Protein backbone atom coordinates (compact mmCIF):
# COMPACT_ATOMS: atom_id res chain seq x y z
CA UNK A 1 0.05 0.15 -0.06
CA UNK A 2 2.77 2.46 1.01
CA UNK A 3 4.38 1.87 -2.49
CA UNK A 4 1.34 3.19 -4.41
CA UNK A 5 0.79 5.88 -2.24
CA UNK A 6 4.35 6.89 -2.68
CA UNK A 7 4.34 6.36 -6.20
CA UNK A 8 1.14 8.44 -7.01
CA UNK A 9 3.27 11.18 -4.83
CA UNK A 10 5.90 10.69 -7.67
CA UNK A 11 3.82 12.02 -10.36
CA UNK A 12 3.40 15.35 -9.17
CA UNK A 13 5.51 18.13 -10.75
CA UNK A 14 5.68 22.08 -11.82
CA UNK A 15 4.29 23.73 -14.88
CA UNK A 16 6.28 24.00 -17.88
CA UNK A 17 6.10 25.79 -21.22
CA UNK A 18 3.99 24.24 -24.13
CA UNK A 19 6.43 25.34 -26.87
CA UNK A 20 9.16 23.27 -25.28
CA UNK A 21 7.09 20.14 -26.29
CA UNK A 22 6.52 17.91 -29.26
CA UNK A 23 3.46 19.11 -31.39
CA UNK A 24 2.38 15.62 -32.02
CA UNK A 25 2.17 14.61 -28.58
CA UNK A 26 0.61 17.96 -27.36
CA UNK A 27 -2.18 17.47 -29.60
CA UNK A 28 -2.80 14.23 -28.22
CA UNK A 29 -2.84 15.22 -24.53
CA UNK A 30 -4.80 18.24 -25.50
CA UNK A 31 -7.42 16.15 -26.63
CA UNK A 32 -7.19 13.81 -23.72
CA UNK A 33 -7.21 16.96 -21.33
CA UNK A 34 -10.65 17.89 -23.11
CA UNK A 35 -12.19 14.64 -22.85
CA UNK A 36 -11.02 14.49 -19.09
CA UNK A 37 -12.24 17.86 -18.01
CA UNK A 38 -15.78 16.82 -19.27
CA UNK A 39 -15.69 14.30 -16.55
CA UNK A 40 -17.79 15.45 -13.48
CA UNK A 41 -16.92 12.09 -11.59
CA UNK A 42 -14.75 9.26 -12.31
CA UNK A 43 -14.86 5.48 -11.42
CA UNK A 44 -12.24 3.09 -12.23
CA UNK A 45 -10.81 -0.21 -11.42
CA UNK A 46 -7.04 -0.66 -11.81
CA UNK A 47 -4.33 -3.40 -11.90
CA UNK A 48 -0.83 -2.31 -10.08
CA UNK A 49 1.91 -4.39 -11.05
CA UNK A 50 5.54 -4.24 -10.34
CA UNK A 51 8.20 -6.13 -12.48
CA UNK A 52 11.67 -6.54 -11.93
CA UNK A 53 14.78 -5.70 -13.94
CA UNK A 54 14.17 -9.09 -16.03
CA UNK A 55 10.53 -8.29 -16.75
CA UNK A 56 9.08 -10.67 -14.05
CA UNK A 57 6.05 -9.87 -12.23
CA UNK A 58 7.08 -9.53 -8.41
CA UNK A 59 3.77 -7.85 -7.01
CA UNK A 60 0.34 -7.22 -8.46
CA UNK A 61 -2.73 -5.61 -6.74
CA UNK A 62 -6.15 -4.82 -7.64
CA UNK A 63 -8.04 -1.61 -6.56
CA UNK A 64 -10.55 0.77 -7.30
CA UNK A 65 -10.59 4.70 -7.52
CA UNK A 66 -13.64 6.85 -7.42
CA UNK A 67 -13.31 10.76 -7.85
CA UNK A 68 -15.43 13.82 -7.91
CA UNK A 69 -13.85 17.00 -8.01
CA UNK A 70 -11.13 17.21 -5.09
CA UNK A 71 -12.94 14.40 -3.44
CA UNK A 72 -11.77 10.64 -3.88
CA UNK A 73 -12.18 7.11 -2.38
CA UNK A 74 -9.33 4.80 -3.01
CA UNK A 75 -9.80 0.99 -2.39
CA UNK A 76 -6.61 -0.97 -1.99
CA UNK A 77 -5.97 -4.62 -0.56
CA UNK A 78 -5.93 -3.96 3.24
CA UNK A 79 -6.86 -0.19 3.20
CA UNK A 80 -9.71 2.04 2.14
CA UNK A 81 -8.58 5.78 1.48
CA UNK A 82 -11.49 8.57 1.38
CA UNK A 83 -11.17 12.30 1.18
CA UNK A 84 -13.86 14.70 1.26
CA UNK A 85 -11.39 17.49 -0.04
CA UNK A 86 -10.71 18.93 3.34
CA UNK A 87 -10.21 15.69 5.57
CA UNK A 88 -8.34 12.35 4.61
CA UNK A 89 -9.40 9.10 6.30
CA UNK A 90 -6.94 5.81 5.90
CA UNK A 91 -8.65 2.95 7.16
CA UNK A 92 -6.61 -0.27 7.62
CA UNK A 93 -9.03 -3.14 7.41
CA UNK A 94 -6.56 -5.69 9.22
CA UNK A 95 -6.00 -3.46 12.23
CA UNK A 96 -9.45 -2.05 12.27
CA UNK A 97 -8.08 1.57 12.54
CA UNK A 98 -8.54 4.44 10.78
CA UNK A 99 -6.06 7.66 10.78
CA UNK A 100 -7.42 11.02 10.36
CA UNK A 101 -5.29 13.97 8.84
CA UNK A 102 -6.18 17.24 7.17
CA UNK A 103 -6.05 17.34 3.41
CA UNK A 104 -4.67 20.23 1.29
CA UNK A 105 -5.25 19.67 -2.60
CA UNK A 106 -2.05 21.88 -3.26
CA UNK A 107 0.29 19.76 -1.02
CA UNK A 108 2.30 17.47 -3.17
CA UNK A 109 3.31 15.30 -0.30
CA UNK A 110 -0.29 14.22 -0.07
CA UNK A 111 -2.16 11.42 -1.82
CA UNK A 112 -4.17 12.62 -4.50
CA UNK A 113 -5.16 9.79 -7.08
CA UNK A 114 -6.87 12.18 -9.45
CA UNK A 115 -3.50 13.32 -10.80
CA UNK A 116 -3.23 9.75 -12.52
CA UNK A 117 -5.70 11.23 -15.04
CA UNK A 118 -4.04 14.54 -15.53
CA UNK A 119 -0.33 14.10 -14.50
CA UNK A 120 0.95 15.25 -18.04
CA UNK A 121 -0.75 18.77 -17.66
CA UNK A 122 2.19 19.99 -15.23
CA UNK A 123 5.87 19.06 -14.72
CA UNK A 124 6.68 17.17 -17.69
CA UNK A 125 8.19 17.20 -21.18
CA UNK A 126 6.60 14.86 -23.37
CA UNK A 127 7.20 13.30 -26.60
CA UNK A 128 5.24 10.85 -29.04
CA UNK A 129 6.65 7.27 -29.00
CA UNK A 130 4.38 5.16 -30.94
CA UNK A 131 1.28 3.45 -31.39
CA UNK A 132 0.64 0.11 -29.86
CA UNK A 133 -2.10 -2.45 -28.80
CA UNK A 134 -2.82 -3.07 -25.47
CA UNK A 135 -5.06 -6.21 -25.53
CA UNK A 136 -7.68 -4.76 -28.34
CA UNK A 137 -7.28 -1.08 -27.38
CA UNK A 138 -5.11 0.97 -29.98
CA UNK A 139 -3.14 3.63 -27.88
CA UNK A 140 -0.92 6.42 -28.38
CA UNK A 141 1.90 5.92 -26.61
CA UNK A 142 3.52 9.52 -25.11
CA UNK A 143 6.84 9.40 -23.22
CA UNK A 144 6.78 12.02 -20.10
CA UNK A 145 10.32 13.01 -18.67
CA UNK A 146 10.35 15.08 -15.29
CA UNK A 147 11.35 18.68 -15.90
CA UNK A 148 12.14 19.75 -12.60
CA UNK A 149 15.14 18.28 -10.81
CA UNK A 150 14.92 14.76 -12.60
CA UNK A 151 18.03 13.81 -10.77
CA UNK A 152 15.99 13.62 -7.52
CA UNK A 153 13.45 11.43 -8.92
CA UNK A 154 13.45 7.60 -8.59
CA UNK A 155 11.81 7.15 -12.23
CA UNK A 156 13.57 8.72 -15.46
CA UNK A 157 10.38 7.95 -17.79
CA UNK A 158 6.68 7.62 -17.65
CA UNK A 159 4.99 6.04 -20.79
CA UNK A 160 1.39 7.13 -20.89
CA UNK A 161 -0.96 4.86 -23.06
CA UNK A 162 -3.71 7.07 -24.52
CA UNK A 163 -6.60 5.11 -25.85
CA UNK A 164 -7.13 6.64 -29.53
CA UNK A 165 -10.71 6.12 -29.77
CA UNK A 166 -12.07 7.14 -26.25
CA UNK A 167 -9.19 9.53 -25.66
CA UNK A 168 -8.95 8.15 -22.11
CA UNK A 169 -5.62 7.28 -20.13
CA UNK A 170 -5.55 3.33 -20.57
CA UNK A 171 -2.22 2.47 -18.76
CA UNK A 172 0.56 4.38 -16.95
CA UNK A 173 4.12 2.70 -16.81
CA UNK A 174 6.76 4.15 -14.63
CA UNK A 175 10.17 3.10 -15.71
CA UNK A 176 12.40 3.36 -12.52
CA UNK A 177 16.34 4.24 -12.46
CA UNK A 178 17.00 0.89 -11.02
CA UNK A 179 15.69 -1.05 -14.04
CA UNK A 180 12.23 -2.04 -12.41
CA UNK A 181 8.81 -1.15 -13.89
CA UNK A 182 5.56 -0.16 -12.20
CA UNK A 183 2.58 -0.36 -14.15
CA UNK A 184 -0.99 1.21 -13.71
CA UNK A 185 -3.49 -0.22 -15.95
CA UNK A 186 -6.86 1.43 -15.73
CA UNK A 187 -9.85 -0.81 -16.36
CA UNK A 188 -13.56 -0.28 -16.89
CA UNK A 189 -13.32 3.60 -16.37
CA UNK A 190 -17.07 5.18 -16.17
CA UNK A 191 -17.53 9.07 -16.28
CA UNK A 192 -20.07 10.84 -15.01
CA UNK A 193 -21.95 8.59 -12.63
CA UNK A 194 -23.75 9.92 -9.80
CA UNK A 195 -21.54 9.71 -6.90
CA UNK A 196 -23.23 10.91 -3.70
CA UNK A 197 -20.95 13.20 -1.30
CA UNK A 198 -21.41 11.01 1.68
CA UNK A 199 -19.41 8.10 -0.40
CA UNK A 200 -16.33 10.45 0.43
CA UNK A 201 -17.00 10.57 4.02
CA UNK A 202 -15.50 8.02 6.33
CA UNK A 203 -17.93 6.68 9.01
CA UNK A 204 -16.17 6.26 12.30
CA UNK A 205 -19.57 4.77 14.24
CA UNK A 206 -18.75 1.47 15.48
CA UNK A 207 -15.08 2.02 16.22
CA UNK A 208 -13.76 2.47 19.66
CA UNK A 209 -11.75 5.48 20.70
CA UNK A 210 -8.39 3.57 20.58
CA UNK A 211 -9.11 2.87 17.05
CA UNK A 212 -9.14 6.42 15.80
CA UNK A 213 -5.86 8.01 15.37
CA UNK A 214 -6.72 11.81 14.56
CA UNK A 215 -3.73 13.88 13.56
CA UNK A 216 -5.68 16.73 12.50
CA UNK A 217 -4.15 20.18 13.85
């Protein structure tokens, strides 16, 4: 679970100038951005896979993410993470314990899974690589390179797979400096579902006081 959270944080960056970018990649990403911005909500299943230097799978996890503006709910093995844009709840299912923190959408050190869908907009140089089929889906593959202090990043390239027909992110592949790869495969993306606001609030009823760790200031 910690690996997923840390890797999502790694997808943050700073704004760079469009004129420094590959025009073909920019056209694809602009279309992707227009499509994504029409989504009031996003619900998607995903598969997170880690590969070693030889390309062999070392870890695989299934999860689900639901997003509504700055609110989100992330379900991963052993944990449910819920945010109403102001408060972040992290519930550990095994320990039956919830940690509560203040949430700041501008804080790059806090988990924000919505960046999975818009990470290309800030902080990266980009270049069109190729077209490739992922299963039955034809994707445009865009290479993203960190623009701010790349020497401090644990990865050197992110490959963004964009579904040509739906103009949606299909897969994100992080190529790490140690030769390993981390892959997020998004499945069953459902935009504009009616997601109630109370979905993004964690109910602590039923938990004992010693099962609630409140770190809010």
